[in-house]
C-alpha atoms as a PDB file:
ATOM      1  CA  MET A   1       0.000   0.000   0.000  1.00  0.00           C
ATOM      2  CA  LEU A   2       1.229   3.461  -0.851  1.00  0.00           C
ATOM      3  CA  SER A   3       1.471   6.220   1.703  1.00  0.00           C
ATOM      4  CA  GLU A   4      -0.788   9.238   1.183  1.00  0.00           C
ATOM      5  CA  LYS A   5       2.318  11.340   0.572  1.00  0.00           C
ATOM      6  CA  MET A   6       3.568   8.978  -2.157  1.00  0.00           C
ATOM      7  CA  GLN A   7       0.121   8.733  -3.729  1.00  0.00           C
ATOM      8  CA  LYS A   8      -0.084  12.534  -3.906  1.00  0.00           C
ATOM      9  CA  ALA A   9       3.405  12.776  -5.403  1.00  0.00           C
ATOM     10  CA  LEU A  10       2.631  10.122  -8.019  1.00  0.00           C
ATOM     11  CA  ASN A  11      -0.550  11.959  -8.995  1.00  0.00           C
ATOM     12  CA  GLU A  12       1.500  15.135  -9.395  1.00  0.00           C
ATOM     13  CA  GLN A  13       3.905  13.214 -11.631  1.00  0.00           C
ATOM     14  CA  ILE A  14       0.990  11.946 -13.725  1.00  0.00           C
ATOM     15  CA  ASN A  15      -0.124  15.535 -14.246  1.00  0.00           C
ATOM     16  CA  ALA A  16       3.444  16.538 -15.154  1.00  0.00           C
ATOM     17  CA  GLU A  17       3.689  13.726 -17.709  1.00  0.00           C
ATOM     18  CA  LEU A  18       0.378  14.729 -19.279  1.00  0.00           C
ATOM     19  CA  TRP A  19       1.548  18.358 -19.331  1.00  0.00           C
ATOM     20  CA  SER A  20       4.710  17.177 -21.082  1.00  0.00           C
ATOM     21  CA  ALA A  21       2.608  15.382 -23.674  1.00  0.00           C
ATOM     22  CA  TYR A  22       0.558  18.527 -24.206  1.00  0.00           C
ATOM     23  CA  LEU A  23       3.739  20.607 -24.573  1.00  0.00           C
ATOM     24  CA  TYR A  24       5.195  18.260 -27.170  1.00  0.00           C
ATOM     25  CA  LEU A  25       1.938  18.121 -29.088  1.00  0.00           C
ATOM     26  CA  SER A  26       1.977  21.926 -29.162  1.00  0.00           C
ATOM     27  CA  MET A  27       5.550  21.881 -30.473  1.00  0.00           C
ATOM     28  CA  GLY A  28       4.600  19.347 -33.122  1.00  0.00           C
ATOM     29  CA  MET A  29       1.663  21.420 -34.300  1.00  0.00           C
ATOM     30  CA  ASN A  30       3.800  24.568 -34.368  1.00  0.00           C
ATOM     31  CA  PHE A  31       6.361  22.961 -36.660  1.00  0.00           C
ATOM     32  CA  GLU A  32       3.797  21.184 -38.803  1.00  0.00           C
ATOM     33  CA  ALA A  33       2.196  24.567 -39.500  1.00  0.00           C
ATOM     34  CA  ALA A  34       5.658  25.958 -40.347  1.00  0.00           C
ATOM     35  CA  GLY A  35       6.312  23.181 -42.879  1.00  0.00           C
ATOM     36  CA  TYR A  36       8.787  21.131 -40.849  1.00  0.00           C
ATOM     37  CA  GLN A  37       7.085  17.757 -41.189  1.00  0.00           C
ATOM     38  CA  GLY A  38      10.020  15.808 -39.763  1.00  0.00           C
ATOM     39  CA  ILE A  39      10.337  17.937 -36.644  1.00  0.00           C
ATOM     40  CA  ALA A  40       6.564  17.764 -36.243  1.00  0.00           C
ATOM     41  CA  ASN A  41       6.774  13.971 -36.461  1.00  0.00           C
ATOM     42  CA  TRP A  42       9.510  13.838 -33.821  1.00  0.00           C
ATOM     43  CA  TYR A  43       7.386  15.848 -31.409  1.00  0.00           C
ATOM     44  CA  LYS A  44       4.251  13.807 -32.150  1.00  0.00           C
ATOM     45  CA  VAL A  45       6.153  10.645 -31.217  1.00  0.00           C
ATOM     46  CA  GLN A  46       7.371  12.429 -28.092  1.00  0.00           C
ATOM     47  CA  PHE A  47       3.738  13.313 -27.320  1.00  0.00           C
ATOM     48  CA  LYS A  48       2.784   9.619 -27.432  1.00  0.00           C
ATOM     49  CA  GLU A  49       5.728   8.646 -25.239  1.00  0.00           C
ATOM     50  CA  GLU A  50       4.753  11.163 -22.576  1.00  0.00           C
ATOM     51  CA  GLN A  51       1.179   9.879 -22.595  1.00  0.00           C
ATOM     52  CA  ASP A  52       2.620   6.418 -22.078  1.00  0.00           C
ATOM     53  CA  HIS A  53       4.711   7.634 -19.167  1.00  0.00           C
ATOM     54  CA  ALA A  54       1.556   8.958 -17.522  1.00  0.00           C
ATOM     55  CA  MET A  55      -0.184   5.638 -18.184  1.00  0.00           C
ATOM     56  CA  ILE A  56       2.690   3.707 -16.584  1.00  0.00           C
ATOM     57  CA  PHE A  57       2.293   5.808 -13.445  1.00  0.00           C
ATOM     58  CA  MET A  58      -1.509   5.459 -13.508  1.00  0.00           C
ATOM     59  CA  ASN A  59      -1.298   1.667 -13.898  1.00  0.00           C
ATOM     60  CA  TYR A  60       1.209   1.491 -11.073  1.00  0.00           C
ATOM     61  CA  LEU A  61      -0.848   3.675  -8.765  1.00  0.00           C
ATOM     62  CA  ASN A  62      -3.927   1.527  -9.353  1.00  0.00           C
ATOM     63  CA  SER A  63      -1.965  -1.700  -8.903  1.00  0.00           C
ATOM     64  CA  ARG A  64      -0.755  -0.518  -5.484  1.00  0.00           C
ATOM     65  CA  GLY A  65      -4.218   0.336  -4.207  1.00  0.00           C
ATOM     66  CA  GLY A  66      -3.896   4.057  -4.833  1.00  0.00           C
ATOM     67  CA  ARG A  67      -6.302   6.343  -6.577  1.00  0.00           C
ATOM     68  CA  VAL A  68      -5.544   8.268  -9.760  1.00  0.00           C
ATOM     69  CA  GLU A  69      -6.729  11.861  -9.507  1.00  0.00           C
ATOM     70  CA  LEU A  70      -6.664  13.672 -12.824  1.00  0.00           C
ATOM     71  CA  VAL A  71      -6.607  17.440 -12.478  1.00  0.00           C
ATOM     72  CA  PRO A  72      -6.516  20.199 -15.115  1.00  0.00           C
ATOM     73  CA  ILE A  73      -3.380  20.547 -17.191  1.00  0.00           C
ATOM     74  CA  ALA A  74      -1.806  24.002 -17.224  1.00  0.00           C
ATOM     75  CA  ALA A  75      -1.472  25.890 -20.497  1.00  0.00           C
ATOM     76  CA  VAL A  76       1.658  25.448 -22.607  1.00  0.00           C
ATOM     77  CA  ASP A  77       3.498  27.701 -25.023  1.00  0.00           C
ATOM     78  CA  THR A  78       2.312  27.463 -28.614  1.00  0.00           C
ATOM     79  CA  VAL A  79       4.973  29.239 -30.677  1.00  0.00           C
ATOM     80  CA  TRP A  80       8.654  28.544 -31.257  1.00  0.00           C
ATOM     81  CA  GLU A  81      10.325  30.594 -33.962  1.00  0.00           C
ATOM     82  CA  ARG A  82      13.170  28.202 -34.725  1.00  0.00           C
ATOM     83  CA  PRO A  83      13.557  24.455 -34.245  1.00  0.00           C
ATOM     84  CA  ILE A  84      16.585  24.932 -32.011  1.00  0.00           C
ATOM     85  CA  ASP A  85      14.447  27.063 -29.670  1.00  0.00           C
ATOM     86  CA  ALA A  86      12.034  24.158 -29.216  1.00  0.00           C
ATOM     87  CA  PHE A  87      14.834  21.682 -28.558  1.00  0.00           C
ATOM     88  CA  VAL A  88      16.429  24.027 -26.002  1.00  0.00           C
ATOM     89  CA  ALA A  89      13.016  24.264 -24.301  1.00  0.00           C
ATOM     90  CA  THR A  90      12.749  20.472 -24.515  1.00  0.00           C
ATOM     91  CA  LEU A  91      16.090  19.990 -22.781  1.00  0.00           C
ATOM     92  CA  GLU A  92      15.186  22.481 -20.047  1.00  0.00           C
ATOM     93  CA  HIS A  93      11.852  20.751 -19.532  1.00  0.00           C
ATOM     94  CA  GLU A  94      13.371  17.260 -19.440  1.00  0.00           C
ATOM     95  CA  ARG A  95      15.847  18.429 -16.808  1.00  0.00           C
ATOM     96  CA  LYS A  96      12.898  19.531 -14.659  1.00  0.00           C
ATOM     97  CA  VAL A  97      11.230  16.153 -15.166  1.00  0.00           C
ATOM     98  CA  THR A  98      14.484  14.440 -14.194  1.00  0.00           C
ATOM     99  CA  ALA A  99      14.521  16.421 -10.949  1.00  0.00           C
ATOM    100  CA  MET A 100      10.915  15.381 -10.270  1.00  0.00           C
ATOM    101  CA  ILE A 101      11.738  11.697 -10.879  1.00  0.00           C
ATOM    102  CA  ASN A 102      14.803  11.996  -8.633  1.00  0.00           C
ATOM    103  CA  ASN A 103      12.655  13.536  -5.893  1.00  0.00           C
ATOM    104  CA  LEU A 104      10.150  10.684  -6.191  1.00  0.00           C
ATOM    105  CA  TYR A 105      13.013   8.198  -5.978  1.00  0.00           C
ATOM    106  CA  ALA A 106      14.383   9.900  -2.859  1.00  0.00           C
ATOM    107  CA  MET A 107      10.900   9.878  -1.302  1.00  0.00           C
ATOM    108  CA  ALA A 108      10.523   6.178  -2.048  1.00  0.00           C
ATOM    109  CA  GLU A 109      13.914   5.538  -0.444  1.00  0.00           C
ATOM    110  CA  ALA A 110      13.041   7.581   2.638  1.00  0.00           C
ATOM    111  CA  GLU A 111       9.734   5.748   3.037  1.00  0.00           C
ATOM    112  CA  HIS A 112      11.314   2.338   2.434  1.00  0.00           C
ATOM    113  CA  ASP A 113       8.888   1.956  -0.476  1.00  0.00           C
ATOM    114  CA  TYR A 114      11.037  -0.387  -2.520  1.00  0.00           C
ATOM    115  CA  ALA A 115       8.296  -1.300  -4.977  1.00  0.00           C
ATOM    116  CA  THR A 116       7.928   2.334  -6.033  1.00  0.00           C
ATOM    117  CA  ARG A 117      11.688   2.784  -6.099  1.00  0.00           C
ATOM    118  CA  ASP A 118      11.950  -0.240  -8.380  1.00  0.00           C
ATOM    119  CA  LYS A 119       9.260   1.155 -10.713  1.00  0.00           C
ATOM    120  CA  LEU A 120      11.139   4.465 -10.847  1.00  0.00           C
ATOM    121  CA  ASN A 121      14.377   2.805 -11.991  1.00  0.00           C
ATOM    122  CA  TRP A 122      13.012   2.647 -15.539  1.00  0.00           C
ATOM    123  CA  PHE A 123      12.170   6.360 -15.428  1.00  0.00           C
ATOM    124  CA  VAL A 124      15.653   7.265 -14.164  1.00  0.00           C
ATOM    125  CA  SER A 125      17.194   5.578 -17.213  1.00  0.00           C
ATOM    126  CA  GLU A 126      14.547   7.053 -19.513  1.00  0.00           C
ATOM    127  CA  GLN A 127      15.362  10.570 -18.345  1.00  0.00           C
ATOM    128  CA  VAL A 128      19.059  10.107 -19.111  1.00  0.00           C
ATOM    129  CA  GLU A 129      18.032   9.159 -22.650  1.00  0.00           C
ATOM    130  CA  GLU A 130      15.567  12.066 -22.962  1.00  0.00           C
ATOM    131  CA  GLU A 131      18.155  14.652 -21.951  1.00  0.00           C
ATOM    132  CA  GLU A 132      20.890  13.131 -24.094  1.00  0.00           C
ATOM    133  CA  THR A 133      18.662  13.071 -27.181  1.00  0.00           C
ATOM    134  CA  ALA A 134      17.586  16.696 -26.794  1.00  0.00           C
ATOM    135  CA  LYS A 135      21.215  17.766 -26.281  1.00  0.00           C
ATOM    136  CA  GLN A 136      22.350  15.865 -29.381  1.00  0.00           C
ATOM    137  CA  TYR A 137      19.755  17.627 -31.540  1.00  0.00           C
ATOM    138  CA  ILE A 138      20.665  21.012 -30.085  1.00  0.00           C
ATOM    139  CA  ASP A 139      24.277  20.308 -31.059  1.00  0.00           C
ATOM    140  CA  LYS A 140      23.190  19.345 -34.588  1.00  0.00           C
ATOM    141  CA  PHE A 141      21.106  22.506 -34.978  1.00  0.00           C
ATOM    142  CA  LYS A 142      24.104  24.555 -33.816  1.00  0.00           C
ATOM    143  CA  LEU A 143      26.349  22.871 -36.388  1.00  0.00           C
ATOM    144  CA  ILE A 144      23.827  23.519 -39.141  1.00  0.00           C
ATOM    145  CA  GLY A 145      23.273  27.151 -38.228  1.00  0.00           C
ATOM    146  CA  GLU A 146      21.280  28.824 -41.000  1.00  0.00           C
ATOM    147  CA  ASN A 147      22.238  26.259 -43.660  1.00  0.00           C
ATOM    148  CA  GLY A 148      18.977  25.411 -45.438  1.00  0.00           C
ATOM    149  CA  MET A 149      20.191  22.092 -46.849  1.00  0.00           C
ATOM    150  CA  GLY A 150      21.431  21.020 -43.428  1.00  0.00           C
ATOM    151  CA  LEU A 151      18.103  21.952 -41.869  1.00  0.00           C
ATOM    152  CA  TYR A 152      16.275  20.044 -44.595  1.00  0.00           C
ATOM    153  CA  MET A 153      18.396  16.938 -43.962  1.00  0.00           C
ATOM    154  CA  LEU A 154      17.901  17.107 -40.210  1.00  0.00           C
ATOM    155  CA  ASP A 155      14.157  17.541 -40.720  1.00  0.00           C
ATOM    156  CA  GLN A 156      14.238  14.350 -42.813  1.00  0.00           C
ATOM    157  CA  GLU A 157      16.167  12.539 -40.073  1.00  0.00           C
ATOM    158  CA  LEU A 158      13.645  13.612 -37.438  1.00  0.00           C
ATOM    159  CA  GLY A 159      10.831  12.484 -39.722  1.00  0.00           C
ATOM    160  CA  ALA A 160      12.168   8.929 -39.645  1.00  0.00           C
ATOM    161  CA  ARG A 161      11.481   8.560 -35.922  1.00  0.00           C
ATOM    162  CA  THR A 162       8.882   5.920 -35.175  1.00  0.00           C
ATOM    163  CA  TYR A 163       6.823   5.230 -32.088  1.00  0.00           C
ATOM    164  CA  SER A 164       7.391   2.136 -29.989  1.00  0.00           C
ATOM    165  CA  VAL A 165       5.542   1.123 -26.855  1.00  0.00           C
ATOM    166  CA  PRO A 166       7.714   1.578 -23.727  1.00  0.00           C
ATOM    167  CA  ALA A 167       8.813  -1.658 -22.057  1.00  0.00           C
ATOM    168  CA  PRO A 168       6.691  -1.194 -18.905  1.00  0.00           C
ATOM    169  CA  LEU A 169       3.534  -0.994 -21.043  1.00  0.00           C
ATOM    170  CA  ALA A 170       4.567  -3.627 -23.572  1.00  0.00           C
ATOM    171  CA  SER A 171       5.047  -6.189 -20.807  1.00  0.00           C
ATOM    172  CA  ALA A 172       1.608  -5.325 -19.360  1.00  0.00           C
ATOM    173  CA  GLU A 173      -0.216  -6.238 -22.572  1.00  0.00           C
END
């Protein structure tokens, strides 16, 4: 059974994951409207992943006898002038999410809630990947600068990203 404190914190994380999904959907729509189909695709896949992260937390909360409490999602930005601006915002956001996951992990440790700590291990690794990916694309955008052909090629690369169900959900099916 989860403590009330842990249940509240997990519900806050669910809201944060859904907010992340909403943010990435907004980024995808911004770049689709601007003609960057590949960048839009990358963010649409990111949107699905964040929804999945929320679902992993919701499934876990229910499995531990907790109660999922969905609350309104705060508004997100809707305009990014350049792709690099969106990826910088992505990296900043993912660093905040990493801090939230780390705080949940520390709470689980302090409460001797080893089941929750174990569930969070996947998220700790996922956040390393999320930050690394955003940083790599920022570096690529910096290398490209204002080079139109380079931007076109990177847009094509980002368009090749495909969605795959995260392991914690794939094993639940």
